[in-house]
Amino acid sequence: MGLTPAKLNFFTLFKLPAAWLCGVRVKHIDDTSCTVRVKHRWINQNPFNSMFWAVQGMAAELTTGALVISRIRASGKDISMLVANNNATFSKKARGRITFNCKDGHLIDKAITETINTGEGRTVWMRSEGVDKDGDVVSAFNFEWTVRLRPAK
């Protein structure tokens, strides 16, 4: 059985409580894309009357990380994952409901296949964009994920 938004949201409650408390919620996940929403509220605001950049980062990272977790589970192998690098751009104040979407699930499959076949770690860059209710991009995050086959025990 694959990952569902409900399972991922339950996971955030116990493993990523800061994201859960700030209102970060998975709305959709499939093999190639993941959508996460977060609403600007008192708990996740900055002094400039918009959403704190780190809350946007948590939502963006969850879109990419959930896809990595999903594809690792589908491989059936014991593979570790870690963010090695990231960067972001901010183009507009994040107010209201912001929807983050990553459509790079297809990139993970290649990295996982290569790490299984070679036994060496692989990296992949994944992008997540946050848009407001008007469809304007408020921020874009890029995460470099590393995947590595764990040695047999």
N, C-alpha and C. Protein backbone atom coordinates (compact mmCIF):
# COMPACT_ATOMS: atom_id res chain seq x y z
N MET A 1 0.85 -1.18 0.00
CA MET A 1 0.00 0.00 0.00
C MET A 1 0.89 1.24 0.00
N GLY A 2 0.59 2.20 -0.87
CA GLY A 2 1.41 3.39 -1.02
C GLY A 2 1.12 4.45 0.04
N LEU A 3 1.89 5.48 -0.03
CA LEU A 3 1.69 6.60 0.88
C LEU A 3 0.45 7.39 0.47
N THR A 4 -0.28 7.85 1.46
CA THR A 4 -1.47 8.67 1.23
C THR A 4 -1.28 9.99 1.97
N PRO A 5 -2.04 11.02 1.60
CA PRO A 5 -1.97 12.27 2.35
C PRO A 5 -2.26 12.06 3.84
N ALA A 6 -3.23 11.22 4.17
CA ALA A 6 -3.56 10.99 5.58
C ALA A 6 -2.37 10.38 6.34
N LYS A 7 -1.71 9.40 5.74
CA LYS A 7 -0.55 8.77 6.38
C LYS A 7 0.59 9.78 6.56
N LEU A 8 0.82 10.60 5.54
CA LEU A 8 1.90 11.59 5.64
C LEU A 8 1.57 12.66 6.68
N ASN A 9 0.31 13.07 6.76
CA ASN A 9 -0.07 14.07 7.76
C ASN A 9 0.04 13.51 9.17
N PHE A 10 -0.30 12.23 9.35
CA PHE A 10 -0.13 11.57 10.64
C PHE A 10 1.36 11.51 11.00
N PHE A 11 2.19 11.20 10.00
CA PHE A 11 3.64 11.16 10.17
C PHE A 11 4.16 12.51 10.65
N THR A 12 3.68 13.61 10.05
CA THR A 12 4.17 14.93 10.46
C THR A 12 3.81 15.25 11.90
N LEU A 13 2.66 14.79 12.34
CA LEU A 13 2.24 15.04 13.72
C LEU A 13 3.28 14.55 14.72
N PHE A 14 3.85 13.37 14.46
CA PHE A 14 4.78 12.77 15.41
C PHE A 14 6.26 12.95 15.05
N LYS A 15 6.58 13.05 13.77
CA LYS A 15 7.98 13.13 13.36
C LYS A 15 8.41 14.53 12.93
N LEU A 16 7.46 15.38 12.54
CA LEU A 16 7.74 16.76 12.15
C LEU A 16 6.74 17.69 12.83
N PRO A 17 6.74 17.71 14.17
CA PRO A 17 5.69 18.46 14.87
C PRO A 17 5.68 19.95 14.56
N ALA A 18 6.82 20.55 14.28
CA ALA A 18 6.84 21.99 13.95
C ALA A 18 6.04 22.23 12.67
N ALA A 19 6.21 21.38 11.68
CA ALA A 19 5.45 21.52 10.44
C ALA A 19 3.96 21.33 10.70
N TRP A 20 3.63 20.32 11.49
CA TRP A 20 2.22 20.05 11.77
C TRP A 20 1.59 21.23 12.51
N LEU A 21 2.27 21.75 13.54
CA LEU A 21 1.73 22.88 14.31
C LEU A 21 1.56 24.13 13.44
N CYS A 22 2.43 24.30 12.47
CA CYS A 22 2.35 25.47 11.59
C CYS A 22 1.29 25.31 10.50
N GLY A 23 0.67 24.14 10.42
CA GLY A 23 -0.42 23.94 9.46
C GLY A 23 -0.02 23.35 8.13
N VAL A 24 1.17 22.80 8.02
CA VAL A 24 1.64 22.18 6.79
C VAL A 24 0.90 20.85 6.61
N ARG A 25 0.16 20.72 5.49
CA ARG A 25 -0.64 19.51 5.25
C ARG A 25 -0.49 19.02 3.81
N VAL A 26 -0.27 17.72 3.67
CA VAL A 26 -0.21 17.09 2.35
C VAL A 26 -1.63 16.95 1.82
N LYS A 27 -1.84 17.36 0.57
CA LYS A 27 -3.17 17.27 -0.06
C LYS A 27 -3.23 16.22 -1.16
N HIS A 28 -2.08 15.93 -1.77
CA HIS A 28 -2.07 14.98 -2.88
C HIS A 28 -0.67 14.40 -3.03
N ILE A 29 -0.61 13.10 -3.35
CA ILE A 29 0.66 12.48 -3.71
C ILE A 29 0.38 11.34 -4.67
N ASP A 30 1.20 11.25 -5.71
CA ASP A 30 1.19 10.11 -6.62
C ASP A 30 2.64 9.81 -6.99
N ASP A 31 2.86 9.01 -8.03
CA ASP A 31 4.23 8.61 -8.37
C ASP A 31 5.11 9.77 -8.81
N THR A 32 4.54 10.81 -9.36
CA THR A 32 5.36 11.89 -9.93
C THR A 32 5.19 13.25 -9.29
N SER A 33 4.15 13.44 -8.48
CA SER A 33 3.93 14.78 -7.91
C SER A 33 3.38 14.71 -6.49
N CYS A 34 3.61 15.81 -5.78
CA CYS A 34 3.11 15.93 -4.42
C CYS A 34 2.70 17.39 -4.19
N THR A 35 1.56 17.58 -3.55
CA THR A 35 1.04 18.91 -3.26
C THR A 35 0.85 19.06 -1.76
N VAL A 36 1.34 20.18 -1.23
CA VAL A 36 1.23 20.50 0.19
C VAL A 36 0.68 21.91 0.31
N ARG A 37 -0.21 22.11 1.27
CA ARG A 37 -0.78 23.45 1.50
C ARG A 37 -0.47 23.91 2.91
N VAL A 38 -0.35 25.22 3.04
CA VAL A 38 -0.19 25.84 4.34
C VAL A 38 -0.82 27.23 4.27
N LYS A 39 -1.51 27.60 5.33
CA LYS A 39 -2.19 28.88 5.38
C LYS A 39 -1.46 29.84 6.32
N HIS A 40 -1.30 31.07 5.87
CA HIS A 40 -0.68 32.10 6.71
C HIS A 40 -1.56 32.32 7.93
N ARG A 41 -0.99 32.07 9.10
CA ARG A 41 -1.70 32.23 10.37
C ARG A 41 -0.75 32.87 11.38
N TRP A 42 -1.27 33.15 12.55
CA TRP A 42 -0.47 33.78 13.59
C TRP A 42 0.76 32.93 13.94
N ILE A 43 0.62 31.63 14.03
CA ILE A 43 1.71 30.76 14.47
C ILE A 43 2.86 30.68 13.46
N ASN A 44 2.60 30.98 12.19
CA ASN A 44 3.66 30.85 11.19
C ASN A 44 4.02 32.18 10.52
N GLN A 45 3.71 33.27 11.16
CA GLN A 45 3.95 34.58 10.57
C GLN A 45 5.35 35.11 10.89
N ASN A 46 5.75 36.10 10.13
CA ASN A 46 6.97 36.85 10.41
C ASN A 46 6.57 38.29 10.77
N PRO A 47 7.50 39.14 11.15
CA PRO A 47 7.14 40.51 11.54
C PRO A 47 6.63 41.38 10.38
N PHE A 48 6.67 40.87 9.15
CA PHE A 48 6.29 41.64 7.98
C PHE A 48 4.91 41.27 7.45
N ASN A 49 4.11 40.64 8.30
CA ASN A 49 2.74 40.26 7.98
C ASN A 49 2.65 39.30 6.79
N SER A 50 3.55 38.35 6.77
CA SER A 50 3.50 37.28 5.77
C SER A 50 4.04 36.01 6.42
N MET A 51 4.03 34.93 5.68
CA MET A 51 4.47 33.64 6.20
C MET A 51 5.99 33.59 6.33
N PHE A 52 6.45 33.11 7.46
CA PHE A 52 7.87 32.97 7.73
C PHE A 52 8.50 32.06 6.67
N TRP A 53 9.70 32.42 6.22
CA TRP A 53 10.35 31.67 5.15
C TRP A 53 10.57 30.20 5.51
N ALA A 54 10.86 29.93 6.79
CA ALA A 54 11.14 28.55 7.20
C ALA A 54 9.89 27.67 7.10
N VAL A 55 8.73 28.24 7.32
CA VAL A 55 7.48 27.47 7.17
C VAL A 55 7.28 27.12 5.69
N GLN A 56 7.56 28.08 4.82
CA GLN A 56 7.49 27.79 3.39
C GLN A 56 8.49 26.69 3.02
N GLY A 57 9.67 26.75 3.64
CA GLY A 57 10.68 25.72 3.39
C GLY A 57 10.25 24.34 3.85
N MET A 58 9.57 24.28 5.01
CA MET A 58 9.08 22.98 5.50
C MET A 58 8.07 22.39 4.52
N ALA A 59 7.17 23.24 4.04
CA ALA A 59 6.15 22.76 3.10
C ALA A 59 6.79 22.31 1.79
N ALA A 60 7.73 23.11 1.30
CA ALA A 60 8.40 22.77 0.04
C ALA A 60 9.21 21.48 0.18
N GLU A 61 9.95 21.36 1.28
CA GLU A 61 10.75 20.16 1.48
C GLU A 61 9.88 18.92 1.59
N LEU A 62 8.72 19.06 2.23
CA LEU A 62 7.82 17.91 2.36
C LEU A 62 7.33 17.44 0.99
N THR A 63 7.11 18.34 0.06
CA THR A 63 6.67 17.89 -1.28
C THR A 63 7.73 17.03 -1.94
N THR A 64 8.99 17.41 -1.79
CA THR A 64 10.06 16.63 -2.41
C THR A 64 10.37 15.37 -1.60
N GLY A 65 10.46 15.52 -0.28
CA GLY A 65 10.80 14.39 0.57
C GLY A 65 9.77 13.28 0.55
N ALA A 66 8.50 13.65 0.47
CA ALA A 66 7.45 12.62 0.40
C ALA A 66 7.60 11.79 -0.87
N LEU A 67 7.97 12.44 -1.96
CA LEU A 67 8.19 11.70 -3.21
C LEU A 67 9.38 10.76 -3.09
N VAL A 68 10.45 11.22 -2.44
CA VAL A 68 11.62 10.36 -2.25
C VAL A 68 11.24 9.15 -1.38
N ILE A 69 10.55 9.39 -0.28
CA ILE A 69 10.12 8.29 0.60
C ILE A 69 9.25 7.30 -0.18
N SER A 70 8.32 7.82 -0.95
CA SER A 70 7.41 6.97 -1.72
C SER A 70 8.16 6.07 -2.69
N ARG A 71 9.12 6.63 -3.40
CA ARG A 71 9.85 5.86 -4.40
C ARG A 71 10.82 4.87 -3.74
N ILE A 72 11.38 5.24 -2.59
CA ILE A 72 12.24 4.30 -1.85
C ILE A 72 11.42 3.11 -1.38
N ARG A 73 10.23 3.38 -0.84
CA ARG A 73 9.35 2.28 -0.39
C ARG A 73 8.99 1.36 -1.55
N ALA A 74 8.71 1.95 -2.71
CA ALA A 74 8.33 1.16 -3.88
C ALA A 74 9.49 0.29 -4.36
N SER A 75 10.73 0.71 -4.13
CA SER A 75 11.89 -0.07 -4.58
C SER A 75 12.07 -1.34 -3.74
N GLY A 76 11.59 -1.32 -2.50
CA GLY A 76 11.74 -2.47 -1.62
C GLY A 76 13.14 -2.63 -1.06
N LYS A 77 14.01 -1.67 -1.28
CA LYS A 77 15.39 -1.73 -0.81
C LYS A 77 15.58 -0.84 0.41
N ASP A 78 16.64 -1.12 1.17
CA ASP A 78 16.98 -0.31 2.34
C ASP A 78 17.89 0.83 1.87
N ILE A 79 17.28 1.98 1.64
CA ILE A 79 17.99 3.14 1.08
C ILE A 79 17.83 4.32 2.03
N SER A 80 18.95 4.98 2.30
CA SER A 80 18.90 6.18 3.14
C SER A 80 18.71 7.40 2.24
N MET A 81 18.19 8.48 2.85
CA MET A 81 17.97 9.72 2.11
C MET A 81 18.36 10.89 3.00
N LEU A 82 18.86 11.94 2.37
CA LEU A 82 19.30 13.11 3.13
C LEU A 82 19.36 14.31 2.20
N VAL A 83 18.96 15.47 2.71
CA VAL A 83 19.13 16.71 1.94
C VAL A 83 20.59 17.13 2.07
N ALA A 84 21.26 17.28 0.93
CA ALA A 84 22.66 17.69 0.92
C ALA A 84 22.81 19.19 0.70
N ASN A 85 21.82 19.79 0.04
CA ASN A 85 21.93 21.19 -0.35
C ASN A 85 20.55 21.72 -0.64
N ASN A 86 20.38 23.02 -0.51
CA ASN A 86 19.12 23.62 -0.94
C ASN A 86 19.33 25.11 -1.19
N ASN A 87 18.41 25.68 -1.96
CA ASN A 87 18.38 27.12 -2.18
C ASN A 87 16.95 27.52 -2.45
N ALA A 88 16.69 28.82 -2.31
CA ALA A 88 15.33 29.30 -2.49
C ALA A 88 15.33 30.72 -3.02
N THR A 89 14.22 31.06 -3.68
CA THR A 89 13.99 32.44 -4.11
C THR A 89 12.59 32.83 -3.66
N PHE A 90 12.45 34.08 -3.29
CA PHE A 90 11.17 34.60 -2.80
C PHE A 90 10.79 35.78 -3.69
N SER A 91 9.60 35.73 -4.27
CA SER A 91 9.22 36.75 -5.23
C SER A 91 8.02 37.59 -4.80
N LYS A 92 7.33 37.18 -3.75
CA LYS A 92 6.14 37.90 -3.30
C LYS A 92 5.85 37.49 -1.86
N LYS A 93 5.23 38.39 -1.09
CA LYS A 93 4.85 38.03 0.27
C LYS A 93 3.87 36.88 0.25
N ALA A 94 4.10 35.92 1.12
CA ALA A 94 3.23 34.74 1.20
C ALA A 94 2.12 35.04 2.20
N ARG A 95 0.95 35.31 1.67
CA ARG A 95 -0.23 35.59 2.49
C ARG A 95 -1.37 34.69 2.03
N GLY A 96 -2.25 34.35 2.97
CA GLY A 96 -3.36 33.47 2.61
C GLY A 96 -2.88 32.03 2.51
N ARG A 97 -3.57 31.25 1.68
CA ARG A 97 -3.23 29.83 1.51
C ARG A 97 -2.19 29.70 0.39
N ILE A 98 -1.09 29.05 0.72
CA ILE A 98 -0.02 28.83 -0.25
C ILE A 98 0.04 27.33 -0.55
N THR A 99 0.08 27.02 -1.83
CA THR A 99 0.12 25.63 -2.29
C THR A 99 1.48 25.36 -2.91
N PHE A 100 2.18 24.39 -2.35
CA PHE A 100 3.49 23.98 -2.87
C PHE A 100 3.31 22.70 -3.67
N ASN A 101 3.98 22.65 -4.81
CA ASN A 101 3.86 21.49 -5.68
C ASN A 101 5.22 21.11 -6.23
N CYS A 102 5.52 19.82 -6.18
CA CYS A 102 6.71 19.27 -6.81
C CYS A 102 6.25 18.23 -7.81
N LYS A 103 6.78 18.33 -9.03
CA LYS A 103 6.43 17.39 -10.10
C LYS A 103 7.64 16.59 -10.56
N ASP A 104 8.62 16.41 -9.69
CA ASP A 104 9.88 15.78 -10.07
C ASP A 104 10.04 14.34 -9.60
N GLY A 105 8.93 13.66 -9.32
CA GLY A 105 9.02 12.28 -8.87
C GLY A 105 9.74 11.36 -9.83
N HIS A 106 9.64 11.65 -11.11
CA HIS A 106 10.30 10.80 -12.12
C HIS A 106 11.82 10.85 -12.00
N LEU A 107 12.37 11.93 -11.44
CA LEU A 107 13.82 12.04 -11.29
C LEU A 107 14.37 11.10 -10.23
N ILE A 108 13.56 10.78 -9.25
CA ILE A 108 13.99 9.91 -8.14
C ILE A 108 14.22 8.49 -8.63
N ASP A 109 13.34 8.01 -9.50
CA ASP A 109 13.45 6.63 -9.96
C ASP A 109 14.83 6.34 -10.55
N LYS A 110 15.35 7.24 -11.35
CA LYS A 110 16.66 7.04 -11.97
C LYS A 110 17.75 6.98 -10.91
N ALA A 111 17.72 7.90 -9.95
CA ALA A 111 18.74 7.92 -8.89
C ALA A 111 18.69 6.65 -8.06
N ILE A 112 17.49 6.19 -7.74
CA ILE A 112 17.35 4.98 -6.92
C ILE A 112 17.83 3.76 -7.70
N THR A 113 17.46 3.66 -8.95
CA THR A 113 17.93 2.54 -9.79
C THR A 113 19.45 2.52 -9.88
N GLU A 114 20.05 3.68 -10.08
CA GLU A 114 21.51 3.75 -10.18
C GLU A 114 22.20 3.38 -8.87
N THR A 115 21.66 3.83 -7.74
CA THR A 115 22.29 3.50 -6.46
C THR A 115 22.14 2.01 -6.14
N ILE A 116 21.03 1.40 -6.56
CA ILE A 116 20.85 -0.05 -6.36
C ILE A 116 21.83 -0.82 -7.24
N ASN A 117 21.96 -0.41 -8.49
CA ASN A 117 22.81 -1.11 -9.44
C ASN A 117 24.30 -0.96 -9.15
N THR A 118 24.71 0.23 -8.69
CA THR A 118 26.14 0.49 -8.48
C THR A 118 26.57 0.37 -7.02
N GLY A 119 25.63 0.49 -6.10
CA GLY A 119 25.98 0.49 -4.68
C GLY A 119 26.53 1.83 -4.21
N GLU A 120 26.60 2.79 -5.11
CA GLU A 120 27.12 4.11 -4.77
C GLU A 120 25.96 5.09 -4.60
N GLY A 121 26.21 6.11 -3.77
CA GLY A 121 25.20 7.13 -3.56
C GLY A 121 24.96 7.96 -4.81
N ARG A 122 23.77 8.49 -4.93
CA ARG A 122 23.40 9.36 -6.05
C ARG A 122 22.70 10.60 -5.50
N THR A 123 22.75 11.66 -6.27
CA THR A 123 22.06 12.89 -5.88
C THR A 123 21.07 13.28 -6.97
N VAL A 124 20.06 14.00 -6.56
CA VAL A 124 19.07 14.50 -7.51
C VAL A 124 18.53 15.81 -6.97
N TRP A 125 18.42 16.81 -7.85
CA TRP A 125 17.82 18.09 -7.50
C TRP A 125 16.33 18.05 -7.81
N MET A 126 15.53 18.51 -6.85
CA MET A 126 14.09 18.55 -7.03
C MET A 126 13.60 19.96 -6.69
N ARG A 127 12.58 20.42 -7.41
CA ARG A 127 12.07 21.78 -7.25
C ARG A 127 10.62 21.76 -6.76
N SER A 128 10.33 22.70 -5.87
CA SER A 128 8.97 22.89 -5.39
C SER A 128 8.64 24.38 -5.44
N GLU A 129 7.49 24.69 -6.03
CA GLU A 129 7.07 26.08 -6.12
C GLU A 129 5.83 26.31 -5.28
N GLY A 130 5.81 27.44 -4.59
CA GLY A 130 4.65 27.84 -3.80
C GLY A 130 3.88 28.93 -4.51
N VAL A 131 2.58 28.72 -4.68
CA VAL A 131 1.73 29.71 -5.35
C VAL A 131 0.59 30.13 -4.43
N ASP A 132 0.17 31.38 -4.58
CA ASP A 132 -0.94 31.88 -3.78
C ASP A 132 -2.26 31.66 -4.51
N LYS A 133 -3.35 32.15 -3.93
CA LYS A 133 -4.68 31.90 -4.50
C LYS A 133 -4.85 32.54 -5.88
N ASP A 134 -4.04 33.55 -6.19
CA ASP A 134 -4.11 34.20 -7.51
C ASP A 134 -3.25 33.49 -8.55
N GLY A 135 -2.54 32.44 -8.14
CA GLY A 135 -1.67 31.71 -9.06
C GLY A 135 -0.29 32.32 -9.21
N ASP A 136 0.04 33.31 -8.38
CA ASP A 136 1.35 33.93 -8.41
C ASP A 136 2.35 33.10 -7.60
N VAL A 137 3.53 32.89 -8.16
CA VAL A 137 4.58 32.17 -7.44
C VAL A 137 5.12 33.10 -6.35
N VAL A 138 5.06 32.64 -5.09
CA VAL A 138 5.58 33.43 -3.98
C VAL A 138 6.99 32.98 -3.59
N SER A 139 7.29 31.70 -3.81
CA SER A 139 8.63 31.20 -3.51
C SER A 139 8.88 29.91 -4.30
N ALA A 140 10.16 29.66 -4.53
CA ALA A 140 10.57 28.43 -5.21
C ALA A 140 11.78 27.87 -4.47
N PHE A 141 11.72 26.61 -4.15
CA PHE A 141 12.79 25.94 -3.42
C PHE A 141 13.36 24.81 -4.26
N ASN A 142 14.67 24.64 -4.18
CA ASN A 142 15.36 23.52 -4.81
C ASN A 142 16.08 22.74 -3.72
N PHE A 143 15.91 21.42 -3.73
CA PHE A 143 16.54 20.56 -2.75
C PHE A 143 17.37 19.51 -3.47
N GLU A 144 18.61 19.33 -3.03
CA GLU A 144 19.46 18.27 -3.56
C GLU A 144 19.38 17.09 -2.59
N TRP A 145 18.70 16.05 -3.01
CA TRP A 145 18.56 14.85 -2.19
C TRP A 145 19.65 13.85 -2.55
N THR A 146 20.20 13.21 -1.53
CA THR A 146 21.13 12.11 -1.76
C THR A 146 20.43 10.83 -1.35
N VAL A 147 20.63 9.80 -2.15
CA VAL A 147 20.12 8.47 -1.82
C VAL A 147 21.30 7.50 -1.88
N ARG A 148 21.30 6.59 -0.92
CA ARG A 148 22.41 5.63 -0.84
C ARG A 148 21.87 4.31 -0.31
N LEU A 149 22.30 3.24 -0.94
CA LEU A 149 21.94 1.90 -0.50
C LEU A 149 22.67 1.61 0.81
N ARG A 150 21.92 1.20 1.82
CA ARG A 150 22.55 0.86 3.09
C ARG A 150 23.20 -0.52 2.97
N PRO A 151 24.35 -0.71 3.62
CA PRO A 151 24.99 -2.02 3.55
C PRO A 151 24.15 -3.09 4.23
N ALA A 152 24.24 -4.30 3.75
CA ALA A 152 23.51 -5.42 4.34
C ALA A 152 24.00 -5.65 5.75
N LYS A 153 23.06 -6.01 6.62
CA LYS A 153 23.42 -6.24 8.04
C LYS A 153 23.78 -7.66 8.28
